N, C-alpha and C. Protein backbone atom coordinates (compact mmCIF):
# COMPACT_ATOMS: atom_id res chain seq x y z
N MET A 1 78.36 89.10 114.45
CA MET A 1 79.83 89.32 114.63
C MET A 1 80.06 89.62 116.10
N VAL A 2 81.13 88.95 116.75
CA VAL A 2 81.49 89.18 117.99
C VAL A 2 82.61 90.32 118.10
N ILE A 3 82.30 91.37 118.88
CA ILE A 3 83.30 92.33 119.12
C ILE A 3 84.03 92.10 120.44
N PRO A 4 85.49 91.97 120.30
CA PRO A 4 86.11 91.67 121.54
C PRO A 4 85.83 92.82 122.64
N GLN A 5 85.75 92.43 123.90
CA GLN A 5 85.48 93.39 125.03
C GLN A 5 86.47 94.52 125.09
N SER A 6 87.75 94.17 124.84
CA SER A 6 88.80 95.28 124.88
C SER A 6 88.51 96.28 123.77
N PHE A 7 87.94 95.88 122.64
CA PHE A 7 87.63 96.79 121.58
C PHE A 7 86.41 97.71 121.93
N ARG A 8 85.43 96.96 122.56
CA ARG A 8 84.22 97.73 123.12
C ARG A 8 84.68 98.70 124.12
N ASP A 9 85.52 98.36 125.03
CA ASP A 9 85.97 99.24 126.02
C ASP A 9 86.67 100.40 125.44
N GLY A 10 87.51 100.27 124.52
CA GLY A 10 88.25 101.28 123.91
C GLY A 10 87.27 102.36 123.12
N ILE A 11 86.24 101.70 122.54
CA ILE A 11 85.27 102.61 122.00
C ILE A 11 84.43 103.44 122.96
N GLN A 12 84.09 102.80 124.13
CA GLN A 12 83.45 103.60 125.16
C GLN A 12 84.42 104.64 125.73
N ALA A 13 85.67 104.33 125.93
CA ALA A 13 86.57 105.31 126.53
C ALA A 13 86.80 106.53 125.54
N ILE A 14 86.81 106.28 124.24
CA ILE A 14 86.98 107.36 123.25
C ILE A 14 85.79 108.12 123.02
N PHE A 15 84.71 107.46 122.67
CA PHE A 15 83.46 108.19 122.20
C PHE A 15 82.36 108.37 123.39
N CYS A 16 82.66 107.89 124.58
CA CYS A 16 81.85 108.10 125.63
C CYS A 16 80.47 107.51 125.38
N GLU A 17 80.28 106.57 124.61
CA GLU A 17 79.03 105.89 124.25
C GLU A 17 79.33 104.53 123.69
N THR A 18 78.36 103.59 123.71
CA THR A 18 78.46 102.38 122.85
C THR A 18 78.23 102.56 121.45
N LEU A 19 79.11 102.14 120.53
CA LEU A 19 78.85 102.30 119.16
C LEU A 19 79.15 101.05 118.55
N THR A 20 78.53 100.77 117.28
CA THR A 20 79.02 99.58 116.50
C THR A 20 80.22 99.90 115.66
N PRO A 21 80.88 98.93 115.16
CA PRO A 21 82.08 99.16 114.38
C PRO A 21 81.77 100.14 113.21
N GLU A 22 80.47 99.95 112.59
CA GLU A 22 80.06 100.82 111.51
C GLU A 22 79.97 102.28 111.97
N GLU A 23 79.37 102.52 113.17
CA GLU A 23 79.26 103.75 113.61
C GLU A 23 80.69 104.44 113.99
N VAL A 24 81.63 103.61 114.57
CA VAL A 24 82.93 104.08 114.76
C VAL A 24 83.50 104.64 113.51
N MET A 25 83.44 103.84 112.48
CA MET A 25 84.13 104.09 111.27
C MET A 25 83.44 105.42 110.58
N ARG A 26 82.14 105.63 110.64
CA ARG A 26 81.58 106.79 110.22
C ARG A 26 82.00 108.10 110.90
N ARG A 27 82.32 107.93 112.18
CA ARG A 27 82.81 109.00 113.04
C ARG A 27 84.29 109.28 112.59
N ILE A 28 85.08 108.25 112.39
CA ILE A 28 86.46 108.41 112.04
C ILE A 28 86.59 109.07 110.79
N LEU A 29 85.81 108.62 109.83
CA LEU A 29 85.88 109.20 108.46
C LEU A 29 85.40 110.65 108.45
N LEU A 30 84.45 111.09 109.28
CA LEU A 30 84.04 112.44 109.44
C LEU A 30 85.23 113.19 109.94
N ASP A 31 86.05 112.68 110.88
CA ASP A 31 87.21 113.43 111.48
C ASP A 31 88.22 113.50 110.30
N VAL A 32 88.43 112.48 109.53
CA VAL A 32 89.32 112.43 108.42
C VAL A 32 89.01 113.63 107.50
N ARG A 33 87.89 113.83 107.21
CA ARG A 33 87.40 114.85 106.34
C ARG A 33 87.65 116.27 107.03
N GLN A 34 87.62 116.34 108.23
CA GLN A 34 87.88 117.71 108.97
C GLN A 34 89.26 117.90 109.31
N ARG A 35 90.04 116.79 109.58
CA ARG A 35 91.45 116.96 110.08
C ARG A 35 92.47 116.41 109.14
N GLY A 36 92.05 115.67 108.18
CA GLY A 36 93.09 115.11 107.29
C GLY A 36 93.25 113.53 107.54
N ASP A 37 94.15 113.08 106.64
CA ASP A 37 94.33 111.61 106.56
C ASP A 37 94.90 110.95 107.95
N ASP A 38 95.59 111.74 108.66
CA ASP A 38 96.29 111.24 109.80
C ASP A 38 95.34 110.84 110.91
N ALA A 39 94.19 111.52 110.85
CA ALA A 39 93.11 111.17 111.84
C ALA A 39 92.69 109.73 112.02
N ILE A 40 92.58 109.12 110.87
CA ILE A 40 92.15 107.65 110.90
C ILE A 40 93.15 106.72 111.49
N PHE A 41 94.50 107.03 111.22
CA PHE A 41 95.40 106.15 111.89
C PHE A 41 95.69 106.45 113.27
N VAL A 42 95.65 107.70 113.73
CA VAL A 42 95.78 108.08 115.12
C VAL A 42 94.72 107.36 115.96
N LYS A 43 93.48 107.53 115.45
CA LYS A 43 92.24 106.89 116.26
C LYS A 43 92.30 105.36 116.21
N ILE A 44 92.45 104.90 115.14
CA ILE A 44 92.30 103.38 115.13
C ILE A 44 93.51 102.68 115.58
N VAL A 45 94.63 103.12 115.27
CA VAL A 45 95.84 102.26 115.67
C VAL A 45 96.34 102.74 117.08
N SER A 46 96.55 104.01 117.34
CA SER A 46 97.08 104.49 118.59
C SER A 46 96.09 104.47 119.73
N VAL A 47 94.86 104.93 119.52
CA VAL A 47 93.96 105.19 120.52
C VAL A 47 93.10 103.92 120.91
N ILE A 48 92.59 103.27 119.77
CA ILE A 48 91.70 102.11 120.05
C ILE A 48 92.55 100.84 120.13
N GLY A 49 93.82 100.90 119.65
CA GLY A 49 94.67 99.74 119.82
C GLY A 49 94.27 98.64 118.85
N LEU A 50 94.10 98.88 117.61
CA LEU A 50 93.70 97.88 116.65
C LEU A 50 94.60 96.75 116.52
N ASN A 51 94.23 95.52 116.84
CA ASN A 51 95.08 94.48 116.63
C ASN A 51 94.43 93.50 115.43
N GLU A 52 95.05 92.40 115.21
CA GLU A 52 94.59 91.67 114.03
C GLU A 52 93.23 91.26 114.12
N LYS A 53 92.82 90.76 115.41
CA LYS A 53 91.44 90.42 115.60
C LYS A 53 90.41 91.50 115.40
N ALA A 54 90.75 92.78 115.93
CA ALA A 54 89.95 93.89 115.77
C ALA A 54 89.90 94.34 114.42
N LEU A 55 91.01 94.19 113.63
CA LEU A 55 90.95 94.55 112.23
C LEU A 55 90.02 93.77 111.45
N GLN A 56 90.09 92.41 111.73
CA GLN A 56 89.08 91.51 111.04
C GLN A 56 87.68 91.83 111.32
N ALA A 57 87.37 92.34 112.58
CA ALA A 57 86.02 92.73 112.92
C ALA A 57 85.64 94.01 112.28
N ILE A 58 86.39 95.07 112.26
CA ILE A 58 86.00 96.35 111.85
C ILE A 58 86.42 96.62 110.41
N GLY A 59 87.47 95.94 109.88
CA GLY A 59 87.89 96.14 108.58
C GLY A 59 86.92 96.14 107.41
N PRO A 60 86.10 95.11 107.27
CA PRO A 60 85.22 95.11 106.18
C PRO A 60 84.32 96.26 106.15
N ALA A 61 83.77 96.72 107.36
CA ALA A 61 82.98 97.92 107.40
C ALA A 61 83.66 99.12 107.06
N ALA A 62 84.96 99.24 107.46
CA ALA A 62 85.77 100.40 107.18
C ALA A 62 85.93 100.50 105.75
N GLU A 63 86.25 99.35 105.00
CA GLU A 63 86.49 99.36 103.72
C GLU A 63 85.18 99.86 102.82
N ILE A 64 83.99 99.27 103.25
CA ILE A 64 82.79 99.56 102.60
C ILE A 64 82.48 101.01 102.76
N ILE A 65 82.62 101.62 104.01
CA ILE A 65 82.30 102.94 104.15
C ILE A 65 83.21 103.86 103.55
N ALA A 66 84.55 103.59 103.56
CA ALA A 66 85.51 104.46 102.85
C ALA A 66 85.21 104.49 101.33
N ARG A 67 84.86 103.38 100.75
CA ARG A 67 84.62 103.42 99.36
C ARG A 67 83.28 104.20 99.03
N ALA A 68 82.22 104.10 99.84
CA ALA A 68 81.12 104.78 99.79
C ALA A 68 81.29 106.30 99.82
N GLU A 69 82.24 106.76 100.80
CA GLU A 69 82.66 108.03 100.87
C GLU A 69 83.56 108.59 99.98
N GLY A 70 84.06 107.89 99.02
CA GLY A 70 84.92 108.25 97.94
C GLY A 70 86.36 108.28 98.42
N LEU A 71 86.63 107.58 99.54
CA LEU A 71 88.10 107.63 100.10
C LEU A 71 88.62 106.27 99.76
N ASN A 72 88.96 106.15 98.46
CA ASN A 72 89.32 104.93 97.71
C ASN A 72 90.79 104.45 98.30
N GLY A 73 91.63 105.38 98.56
CA GLY A 73 92.94 105.14 99.06
C GLY A 73 92.79 104.53 100.38
N HIS A 74 91.98 105.03 101.25
CA HIS A 74 91.72 104.45 102.61
C HIS A 74 91.06 103.04 102.45
N ALA A 75 90.27 102.87 101.58
CA ALA A 75 89.56 101.58 101.38
C ALA A 75 90.61 100.57 100.89
N GLU A 76 91.53 100.94 100.01
CA GLU A 76 92.51 99.99 99.59
C GLU A 76 93.49 99.76 100.73
N SER A 77 93.83 100.63 101.46
CA SER A 77 94.72 100.56 102.61
C SER A 77 94.12 99.44 103.58
N VAL A 78 92.87 99.50 103.88
CA VAL A 78 92.16 98.71 104.74
C VAL A 78 92.21 97.19 104.06
N ALA A 79 91.85 97.18 102.83
CA ALA A 79 91.85 95.88 102.04
C ALA A 79 93.11 95.21 102.09
N ARG A 80 94.26 95.90 101.85
CA ARG A 80 95.61 95.35 102.00
C ARG A 80 95.89 94.73 103.35
N ARG A 81 95.52 95.55 104.38
CA ARG A 81 95.71 95.02 105.76
C ARG A 81 94.86 93.87 106.07
N LEU A 82 93.62 93.73 105.48
CA LEU A 82 92.87 92.63 105.79
C LEU A 82 93.46 91.41 105.08
N ARG A 83 94.18 91.59 103.93
CA ARG A 83 94.77 90.51 103.31
C ARG A 83 96.04 90.09 104.01
N SER A 84 96.74 91.02 104.62
CA SER A 84 97.98 90.90 105.19
C SER A 84 98.19 91.84 106.22
N PRO A 85 97.67 91.32 107.59
CA PRO A 85 97.70 92.33 108.69
C PRO A 85 99.13 92.82 109.01
N GLU A 86 100.21 92.18 108.70
CA GLU A 86 101.42 92.61 109.13
C GLU A 86 101.99 93.88 108.32
N VAL A 87 101.20 94.17 107.22
CA VAL A 87 101.48 95.28 106.37
C VAL A 87 101.45 96.68 107.25
N GLY A 88 100.61 96.79 108.11
CA GLY A 88 100.40 97.85 109.08
C GLY A 88 101.54 98.92 109.06
């Protein structure tokens, strides 16, 4: 999987280290548990700047991890956005 440079730069700026999309989602989900549902959208959309290409890169991992963590609403939200990115 090719991760766009702008996405990698955003990860580096936010987390101060190089992370895979899966590692990013694990950190975001941990933050959701600690701070609530708004944390996932603030980090992904506002800070990282998730566009359609980035959504396609990270979305499948986000959906899998969310389901594994029992966050089925988040998983379904990601799945809907993967099917129709303009839903956002």
